[in-house]
Structure formats: structure tokens, C-alpha cells
Amino acid sequence: MEIWKQQQVPPCFYVKILNMAKETTMHVVIPLDLKREFKSACVLEGVNMSQIVCELVQDWLEKRKTTPIVENQPSKD
């Protein structure tokens, strides 16, 4: 088990501590209902919304490394 899982620290924050990474902000446009549900879920779990977004972005980037990228090609229909 990874150290961040043992300590209940999201991987992005564990890496940040190790690397002293700089932070930035990001503006994301999502439906209001989705944001409200996301915020409620985070409150219930006792986590920060930014922590979860950071984890999701890291997971997505890792997945891209192992999944071949298929370019949009015109259909042959």
C-alpha cells in the first residue's frame, strides 16, 4: 500500500510535499447541479474539492500514458 493511502493523504498532495510543487488555480465550467452534488459529497467525505479534482486529473493523465491515443478519423460510411 502506498504511503499516501496509509495516511489518508491524496497522492497529489503527497507528491506536492515531496516536490514542493507550485500551485495554480483553474477555472472550470460545470453544471450547477453537478457542482452542488460534488461539493456535498466532498463535505460528507471530509475532503477538499481541490484535492479530489487534483486526484482525478492525475488519474486521467496516468490512464493516458497506458492507453493508446486514437485520433479522430473520418468514418468510411
PDB file of N, CA and C in Angstrom:
ATOM      1  N   MET A   1       0.847  -1.182   0.000  1.00  0.00           N
ATOM      2  CA  MET A   1       0.000   0.000   0.000  1.00  0.00           C
ATOM      3  C   MET A   1       0.890   1.243   0.000  1.00  0.00           C
ATOM      4  N   GLU A   2       0.493   2.232  -0.812  1.00  0.00           N
ATOM      5  CA  GLU A   2       1.278   3.448  -0.904  1.00  0.00           C
ATOM      6  C   GLU A   2       1.140   4.269   0.381  1.00  0.00           C
ATOM      7  N   ILE A   3       2.174   5.029   0.675  1.00  0.00           N
ATOM      8  CA  ILE A   3       2.201   5.815   1.904  1.00  0.00           C
ATOM      9  C   ILE A   3       1.022   6.762   1.993  1.00  0.00           C
ATOM     10  N   TRP A   4       0.662   7.421   0.875  1.00  0.00           N
ATOM     11  CA  TRP A   4      -0.438   8.396   0.929  1.00  0.00           C
ATOM     12  C   TRP A   4      -1.753   7.733   1.286  1.00  0.00           C
ATOM     13  N   LYS A   5      -1.936   6.455   0.921  1.00  0.00           N
ATOM     14  CA  LYS A   5      -3.172   5.760   1.274  1.00  0.00           C
ATOM     15  C   LYS A   5      -3.193   5.427   2.762  1.00  0.00           C
ATOM     16  N   GLN A   6      -2.037   5.106   3.318  1.00  0.00           N
ATOM     17  CA  GLN A   6      -1.954   4.800   4.738  1.00  0.00           C
ATOM     18  C   GLN A   6      -2.253   6.037   5.577  1.00  0.00           C
ATOM     19  N   GLN A   7      -1.869   7.193   5.082  1.00  0.00           N
ATOM     20  CA  GLN A   7      -2.023   8.426   5.843  1.00  0.00           C
ATOM     21  C   GLN A   7      -3.270   9.204   5.446  1.00  0.00           C
ATOM     22  N   GLN A   8      -4.104   8.669   4.561  1.00  0.00           N
ATOM     23  CA  GLN A   8      -5.293   9.357   4.090  1.00  0.00           C
ATOM     24  C   GLN A   8      -4.959  10.697   3.436  1.00  0.00           C
ATOM     25  N   VAL A   9      -3.821  10.764   2.768  1.00  0.00           N
ATOM     26  CA  VAL A   9      -3.421  11.974   2.067  1.00  0.00           C
ATOM     27  C   VAL A   9      -3.498  11.676   0.575  1.00  0.00           C
ATOM     28  N   PRO A  10      -4.224  12.475  -0.199  1.00  0.00           N
ATOM     29  CA  PRO A  10      -4.306  12.233  -1.631  1.00  0.00           C
ATOM     30  C   PRO A  10      -2.924  12.271  -2.269  1.00  0.00           C
ATOM     31  N   PRO A  11      -2.710  11.467  -3.318  1.00  0.00           N
ATOM     32  CA  PRO A  11      -1.380  11.376  -3.928  1.00  0.00           C
ATOM     33  C   PRO A  11      -0.852  12.715  -4.422  1.00  0.00           C
ATOM     34  N   CYS A  12      -1.729  13.566  -4.939  1.00  0.00           N
ATOM     35  CA  CYS A  12      -1.233  14.840  -5.457  1.00  0.00           C
ATOM     36  C   CYS A  12      -0.649  15.692  -4.341  1.00  0.00           C
ATOM     37  N   PHE A  13      -1.196  15.613  -3.146  1.00  0.00           N
ATOM     38  CA  PHE A  13      -0.673  16.399  -2.048  1.00  0.00           C
ATOM     39  C   PHE A  13       0.587  15.758  -1.481  1.00  0.00           C
ATOM     40  N   TYR A  14       0.683  14.440  -1.533  1.00  0.00           N
ATOM     41  CA  TYR A  14       1.896  13.765  -1.089  1.00  0.00           C
ATOM     42  C   TYR A  14       3.049  14.136  -2.019  1.00  0.00           C
ATOM     43  N   VAL A  15       2.776  14.105  -3.322  1.00  0.00           N
ATOM     44  CA  VAL A  15       3.802  14.481  -4.295  1.00  0.00           C
ATOM     45  C   VAL A  15       4.178  15.942  -4.107  1.00  0.00           C
ATOM     46  N   LYS A  16       3.192  16.783  -3.861  1.00  0.00           N
ATOM     47  CA  LYS A  16       3.447  18.210  -3.650  1.00  0.00           C
ATOM     48  C   LYS A  16       4.386  18.419  -2.470  1.00  0.00           C
ATOM     49  N   ILE A  17       4.167  17.693  -1.404  1.00  0.00           N
ATOM     50  CA  ILE A  17       5.016  17.822  -0.225  1.00  0.00           C
ATOM     51  C   ILE A  17       6.442  17.416  -0.574  1.00  0.00           C
ATOM     52  N   LEU A  18       6.580  16.337  -1.324  1.00  0.00           N
ATOM     53  CA  LEU A  18       7.914  15.856  -1.679  1.00  0.00           C
ATOM     54  C   LEU A  18       8.620  16.795  -2.653  1.00  0.00           C
ATOM     55  N   ASN A  19       7.871  17.311  -3.622  1.00  0.00           N
ATOM     56  CA  ASN A  19       8.471  18.120  -4.677  1.00  0.00           C
ATOM     57  C   ASN A  19       8.373  19.621  -4.430  1.00  0.00           C
ATOM     58  N   MET A  20       7.621  20.017  -3.394  1.00  0.00           N
ATOM     59  CA  MET A  20       7.386  21.429  -3.138  1.00  0.00           C
ATOM     60  C   MET A  20       6.859  22.103  -4.402  1.00  0.00           C
ATOM     61  N   ALA A  21       5.899  21.448  -5.038  1.00  0.00           N
ATOM     62  CA  ALA A  21       5.332  21.942  -6.297  1.00  0.00           C
ATOM     63  C   ALA A  21       4.633  23.271  -6.098  1.00  0.00           C
ATOM     64  N   LYS A  22       4.674  24.089  -7.138  1.00  0.00           N
ATOM     65  CA  LYS A  22       3.951  25.350  -7.111  1.00  0.00           C
ATOM     66  C   LYS A  22       2.486  25.064  -7.375  1.00  0.00           C
ATOM     67  N   GLU A  23       1.641  25.936  -6.879  1.00  0.00           N
ATOM     68  CA  GLU A  23       0.206  25.774  -7.096  1.00  0.00           C
ATOM     69  C   GLU A  23      -0.289  26.834  -8.058  1.00  0.00           C
ATOM     70  N   THR A  24      -1.410  26.540  -8.684  1.00  0.00           N
ATOM     71  CA  THR A  24      -2.073  27.486  -9.554  1.00  0.00           C
ATOM     72  C   THR A  24      -3.574  27.281  -9.413  1.00  0.00           C
ATOM     73  N   THR A  25      -4.328  28.141 -10.008  1.00  0.00           N
ATOM     74  CA  THR A  25      -5.772  27.968  -9.989  1.00  0.00           C
ATOM     75  C   THR A  25      -6.246  27.609 -11.384  1.00  0.00           C
ATOM     76  N   MET A  26      -7.433  27.022 -11.438  1.00  0.00           N
ATOM     77  CA  MET A  26      -8.009  26.620 -12.712  1.00  0.00           C
ATOM     78  C   MET A  26      -9.503  26.906 -12.644  1.00  0.00           C
ATOM     79  N   HIS A  27     -10.031  27.546 -13.650  1.00  0.00           N
ATOM     80  CA  HIS A  27     -11.454  27.841 -13.708  1.00  0.00           C
ATOM     81  C   HIS A  27     -12.120  26.753 -14.542  1.00  0.00           C
ATOM     82  N   VAL A  28     -13.119  26.100 -13.970  1.00  0.00           N
ATOM     83  CA  VAL A  28     -13.815  25.010 -14.657  1.00  0.00           C
ATOM     84  C   VAL A  28     -15.296  25.345 -14.693  1.00  0.00           C
ATOM     85  N   VAL A  29     -15.906  25.182 -15.854  1.00  0.00           N
ATOM     86  CA  VAL A  29     -17.334  25.436 -16.003  1.00  0.00           C
ATOM     87  C   VAL A  29     -18.058  24.092 -16.021  1.00  0.00           C
ATOM     88  N   ILE A  30     -18.918  23.877 -15.016  1.00  0.00           N
ATOM     89  CA  ILE A  30     -19.709  22.646 -14.932  1.00  0.00           C
ATOM     90  C   ILE A  30     -21.139  23.030 -14.574  1.00  0.00           C
ATOM     91  N   PRO A  31     -22.084  22.142 -14.844  1.00  0.00           N
ATOM     92  CA  PRO A  31     -23.472  22.436 -14.471  1.00  0.00           C
ATOM     93  C   PRO A  31     -23.602  22.657 -12.956  1.00  0.00           C
ATOM     94  N   LEU A  32     -24.470  23.572 -12.586  1.00  0.00           N
ATOM     95  CA  LEU A  32     -24.657  23.924 -11.184  1.00  0.00           C
ATOM     96  C   LEU A  32     -25.039  22.715 -10.333  1.00  0.00           C
ATOM     97  N   ASP A  33     -25.945  21.881 -10.830  1.00  0.00           N
ATOM     98  CA  ASP A  33     -26.356  20.693 -10.074  1.00  0.00           C
ATOM     99  C   ASP A  33     -25.181  19.750  -9.823  1.00  0.00           C
ATOM    100  N   LEU A  34     -24.319  19.599 -10.819  1.00  0.00           N
ATOM    101  CA  LEU A  34     -23.154  18.730 -10.671  1.00  0.00           C
ATOM    102  C   LEU A  34     -22.214  19.288  -9.605  1.00  0.00           C
ATOM    103  N   LYS A  35     -22.010  20.597  -9.617  1.00  0.00           N
ATOM    104  CA  LYS A  35     -21.141  21.218  -8.611  1.00  0.00           C
ATOM    105  C   LYS A  35     -21.711  21.044  -7.216  1.00  0.00           C
ATOM    106  N   ARG A  36     -23.011  21.247  -7.081  1.00  0.00           N
ATOM    107  CA  ARG A  36     -23.630  21.101  -5.765  1.00  0.00           C
ATOM    108  C   ARG A  36     -23.509  19.672  -5.249  1.00  0.00           C
ATOM    109  N   GLU A  37     -23.746  18.710  -6.123  1.00  0.00           N
ATOM    110  CA  GLU A  37     -23.633  17.305  -5.711  1.00  0.00           C
ATOM    111  C   GLU A  37     -22.192  16.959  -5.349  1.00  0.00           C
ATOM    112  N   PHE A  38     -21.244  17.455  -6.143  1.00  0.00           N
ATOM    113  CA  PHE A  38     -19.826  17.221  -5.884  1.00  0.00           C
ATOM    114  C   PHE A  38     -19.416  17.826  -4.537  1.00  0.00           C
ATOM    115  N   LYS A  39     -19.822  19.067  -4.299  1.00  0.00           N
ATOM    116  CA  LYS A  39     -19.480  19.738  -3.044  1.00  0.00           C
ATOM    117  C   LYS A  39     -20.078  18.997  -1.855  1.00  0.00           C
ATOM    118  N   SER A  40     -21.336  18.577  -1.982  1.00  0.00           N
ATOM    119  CA  SER A  40     -21.985  17.833  -0.890  1.00  0.00           C
ATOM    120  C   SER A  40     -21.251  16.534  -0.596  1.00  0.00           C
ATOM    121  N   ALA A  41     -20.883  15.821  -1.649  1.00  0.00           N
ATOM    122  CA  ALA A  41     -20.167  14.556  -1.472  1.00  0.00           C
ATOM    123  C   ALA A  41     -18.823  14.786  -0.791  1.00  0.00           C
ATOM    124  N   CYS A  42     -18.132  15.851  -1.180  1.00  0.00           N
ATOM    125  CA  CYS A  42     -16.838  16.163  -0.565  1.00  0.00           C
ATOM    126  C   CYS A  42     -17.004  16.491   0.917  1.00  0.00           C
ATOM    127  N   VAL A  43     -18.035  17.257   1.236  1.00  0.00           N
ATOM    128  CA  VAL A  43     -18.289  17.600   2.640  1.00  0.00           C
ATOM    129  C   VAL A  43     -18.572  16.331   3.443  1.00  0.00           C
ATOM    130  N   LEU A  44     -19.406  15.451   2.890  1.00  0.00           N
ATOM    131  CA  LEU A  44     -19.726  14.195   3.588  1.00  0.00           C
ATOM    132  C   LEU A  44     -18.489  13.325   3.798  1.00  0.00           C
ATOM    133  N   GLU A  45     -17.581  13.341   2.830  1.00  0.00           N
ATOM    134  CA  GLU A  45     -16.356  12.541   2.924  1.00  0.00           C
ATOM    135  C   GLU A  45     -15.267  13.256   3.735  1.00  0.00           C
ATOM    136  N   GLY A  46     -15.470  14.540   3.998  1.00  0.00           N
ATOM    137  CA  GLY A  46     -14.470  15.295   4.744  1.00  0.00           C
ATOM    138  C   GLY A  46     -13.225  15.604   3.945  1.00  0.00           C
ATOM    139  N   VAL A  47     -13.406  15.798   2.640  1.00  0.00           N
ATOM    140  CA  VAL A  47     -12.269  16.107   1.769  1.00  0.00           C
ATOM    141  C   VAL A  47     -12.489  17.453   1.098  1.00  0.00           C
ATOM    142  N   ASN A  48     -11.411  18.006   0.597  1.00  0.00           N
ATOM    143  CA  ASN A  48     -11.431  19.276  -0.100  1.00  0.00           C
ATOM    144  C   ASN A  48     -11.718  19.028  -1.578  1.00  0.00           C
ATOM    145  N   MET A  49     -12.561  19.861  -2.181  1.00  0.00           N
ATOM    146  CA  MET A  49     -12.890  19.687  -3.600  1.00  0.00           C
ATOM    147  C   MET A  49     -11.633  19.738  -4.473  1.00  0.00           C
ATOM    148  N   SER A  50     -10.703  20.603  -4.134  1.00  0.00           N
ATOM    149  CA  SER A  50      -9.462  20.707  -4.916  1.00  0.00           C
ATOM    150  C   SER A  50      -8.644  19.420  -4.841  1.00  0.00           C
ATOM    151  N   GLN A  51      -8.642  18.770  -3.683  1.00  0.00           N
ATOM    152  CA  GLN A  51      -7.914  17.504  -3.543  1.00  0.00           C
ATOM    153  C   GLN A  51      -8.457  16.467  -4.520  1.00  0.00           C
ATOM    154  N   ILE A  52      -9.781  16.381  -4.599  1.00  0.00           N
ATOM    155  CA  ILE A  52     -10.406  15.383  -5.464  1.00  0.00           C
ATOM    156  C   ILE A  52     -10.156  15.708  -6.926  1.00  0.00           C
ATOM    157  N   VAL A  53     -10.278  16.971  -7.296  1.00  0.00           N
ATOM    158  CA  VAL A  53     -10.014  17.363  -8.685  1.00  0.00           C
ATOM    159  C   VAL A  53      -8.567  17.037  -9.050  1.00  0.00           C
ATOM    160  N   CYS A  54      -7.649  17.315  -8.146  1.00  0.00           N
ATOM    161  CA  CYS A  54      -6.242  17.006  -8.380  1.00  0.00           C
ATOM    162  C   CYS A  54      -6.044  15.507  -8.610  1.00  0.00           C
ATOM    163  N   GLU A  55      -6.667  14.683  -7.768  1.00  0.00           N
ATOM    164  CA  GLU A  55      -6.577  13.229  -7.928  1.00  0.00           C
ATOM    165  C   GLU A  55      -7.152  12.785  -9.266  1.00  0.00           C
ATOM    166  N   LEU A  56      -8.300  13.327  -9.637  1.00  0.00           N
ATOM    167  CA  LEU A  56      -8.942  12.945 -10.896  1.00  0.00           C
ATOM    168  C   LEU A  56      -8.077  13.308 -12.100  1.00  0.00           C
ATOM    169  N   VAL A  57      -7.466  14.481 -12.066  1.00  0.00           N
ATOM    170  CA  VAL A  57      -6.590  14.893 -13.169  1.00  0.00           C
ATOM    171  C   VAL A  57      -5.373  13.977 -13.233  1.00  0.00           C
ATOM    172  N   GLN A  58      -4.783  13.672 -12.085  1.00  0.00           N
ATOM    173  CA  GLN A  58      -3.631  12.772 -12.075  1.00  0.00           C
ATOM    174  C   GLN A  58      -4.002  11.385 -12.592  1.00  0.00           C
ATOM    175  N   ASP A  59      -5.145  10.862 -12.160  1.00  0.00           N
ATOM    176  CA  ASP A  59      -5.601   9.550 -12.640  1.00  0.00           C
ATOM    177  C   ASP A  59      -5.795   9.562 -14.146  1.00  0.00           C
ATOM    178  N   TRP A  60      -6.397  10.632 -14.672  1.00  0.00           N
ATOM    179  CA  TRP A  60      -6.646  10.743 -16.098  1.00  0.00           C
ATOM    180  C   TRP A  60      -5.334  10.788 -16.880  1.00  0.00           C
ATOM    181  N   LEU A  61      -4.365  11.548 -16.369  1.00  0.00           N
ATOM    182  CA  LEU A  61      -3.064  11.622 -17.039  1.00  0.00           C
ATOM    183  C   LEU A  61      -2.352  10.273 -17.020  1.00  0.00           C
ATOM    184  N   GLU A  62      -2.415   9.565 -15.902  1.00  0.00           N
ATOM    185  CA  GLU A  62      -1.808   8.232 -15.818  1.00  0.00           C
ATOM    186  C   GLU A  62      -2.468   7.266 -16.804  1.00  0.00           C
ATOM    187  N   LYS A  63      -3.792   7.336 -16.899  1.00  0.00           N
ATOM    188  CA  LYS A  63      -4.527   6.467 -17.816  1.00  0.00           C
ATOM    189  C   LYS A  63      -4.117   6.737 -19.252  1.00  0.00           C
ATOM    190  N   ARG A  64      -3.890   7.999 -19.589  1.00  0.00           N
ATOM    191  CA  ARG A  64      -3.475   8.364 -20.944  1.00  0.00           C
ATOM    192  C   ARG A  64      -2.130   7.759 -21.289  1.00  0.00           C
ATOM    193  N   LYS A  65      -1.268   7.580 -20.293  1.00  0.00           N
ATOM    194  CA  LYS A  65       0.056   7.003 -20.544  1.00  0.00           C
ATOM    195  C   LYS A  65      -0.030   5.537 -20.948  1.00  0.00           C
ATOM    196  N   THR A  66      -1.065   4.854 -20.466  1.00  0.00           N
ATOM    197  CA  THR A  66      -1.186   3.419 -20.731  1.00  0.00           C
ATOM    198  C   THR A  66      -2.222   3.089 -21.807  1.00  0.00           C
ATOM    199  N   THR A  67      -2.976   4.096 -22.250  1.00  0.00           N
ATOM    200  CA  THR A  67      -3.998   3.874 -23.261  1.00  0.00           C
ATOM    201  C   THR A  67      -3.562   4.552 -24.550  1.00  0.00           C
ATOM    202  N   PRO A  68      -3.534   3.784 -25.654  1.00  0.00           N
ATOM    203  CA  PRO A  68      -3.138   4.408 -26.912  1.00  0.00           C
ATOM    204  C   PRO A  68      -4.112   5.518 -27.308  1.00  0.00           C
ATOM    205  N   ILE A  69      -3.563   6.597 -27.826  1.00  0.00           N
ATOM    206  CA  ILE A  69      -4.387   7.723 -28.255  1.00  0.00           C
ATOM    207  C   ILE A  69      -4.848   7.455 -29.688  1.00  0.00           C
ATOM    208  N   VAL A  70      -6.149   7.488 -29.889  1.00  0.00           N
ATOM    209  CA  VAL A  70      -6.714   7.270 -31.211  1.00  0.00           C
ATOM    210  C   VAL A  70      -7.197   8.617 -31.726  1.00  0.00           C
ATOM    211  N   GLU A  71      -6.610   9.038 -32.836  1.00  0.00           N
ATOM    212  CA  GLU A  71      -7.012  10.317 -33.406  1.00  0.00           C
ATOM    213  C   GLU A  71      -8.360  10.180 -34.084  1.00  0.00           C
ATOM    214  N   ASN A  72      -9.101  11.263 -34.109  1.00  0.00           N
ATOM    215  CA  ASN A  72     -10.394  11.265 -34.799  1.00  0.00           C
ATOM    216  C   ASN A  72     -10.146  11.094 -36.285  1.00  0.00           C
ATOM    217  N   GLN A  73     -10.713  10.047 -36.835  1.00  0.00           N
ATOM    218  CA  GLN A  73     -10.580   9.789 -38.257  1.00  0.00           C
ATOM    219  C   GLN A  73     -11.954   9.806 -38.877  1.00  0.00           C
ATOM    220  N   PRO A  74     -12.062  10.300 -40.102  1.00  0.00           N
ATOM    221  CA  PRO A  74     -13.386  10.316 -40.744  1.00  0.00           C
ATOM    222  C   PRO A  74     -13.910   8.903 -40.922  1.00  0.00           C
ATOM    223  N   SER A  75     -15.228   8.763 -40.733  1.00  0.00           N
ATOM    224  CA  SER A  75     -15.823   7.439 -40.894  1.00  0.00           C
ATOM    225  C   SER A  75     -15.846   7.062 -42.364  1.00  0.00           C
ATOM    226  N   LYS A  76     -15.890   5.772 -42.633  1.00  0.00           N
ATOM    227  CA  LYS A  76     -15.875   5.279 -44.016  1.00  0.00           C
ATOM    228  C   LYS A  76     -17.279   5.030 -44.552  1.00  0.00           C
ATOM    229  N   ASP A  77     -18.275   5.609 -43.907  1.00  0.00           N
ATOM    230  CA  ASP A  77     -19.665   5.410 -44.358  1.00  0.00           C
ATOM    231  C   ASP A  77     -19.981   6.233 -45.571  1.00  0.00           C
TER     232      ASP A  77
END
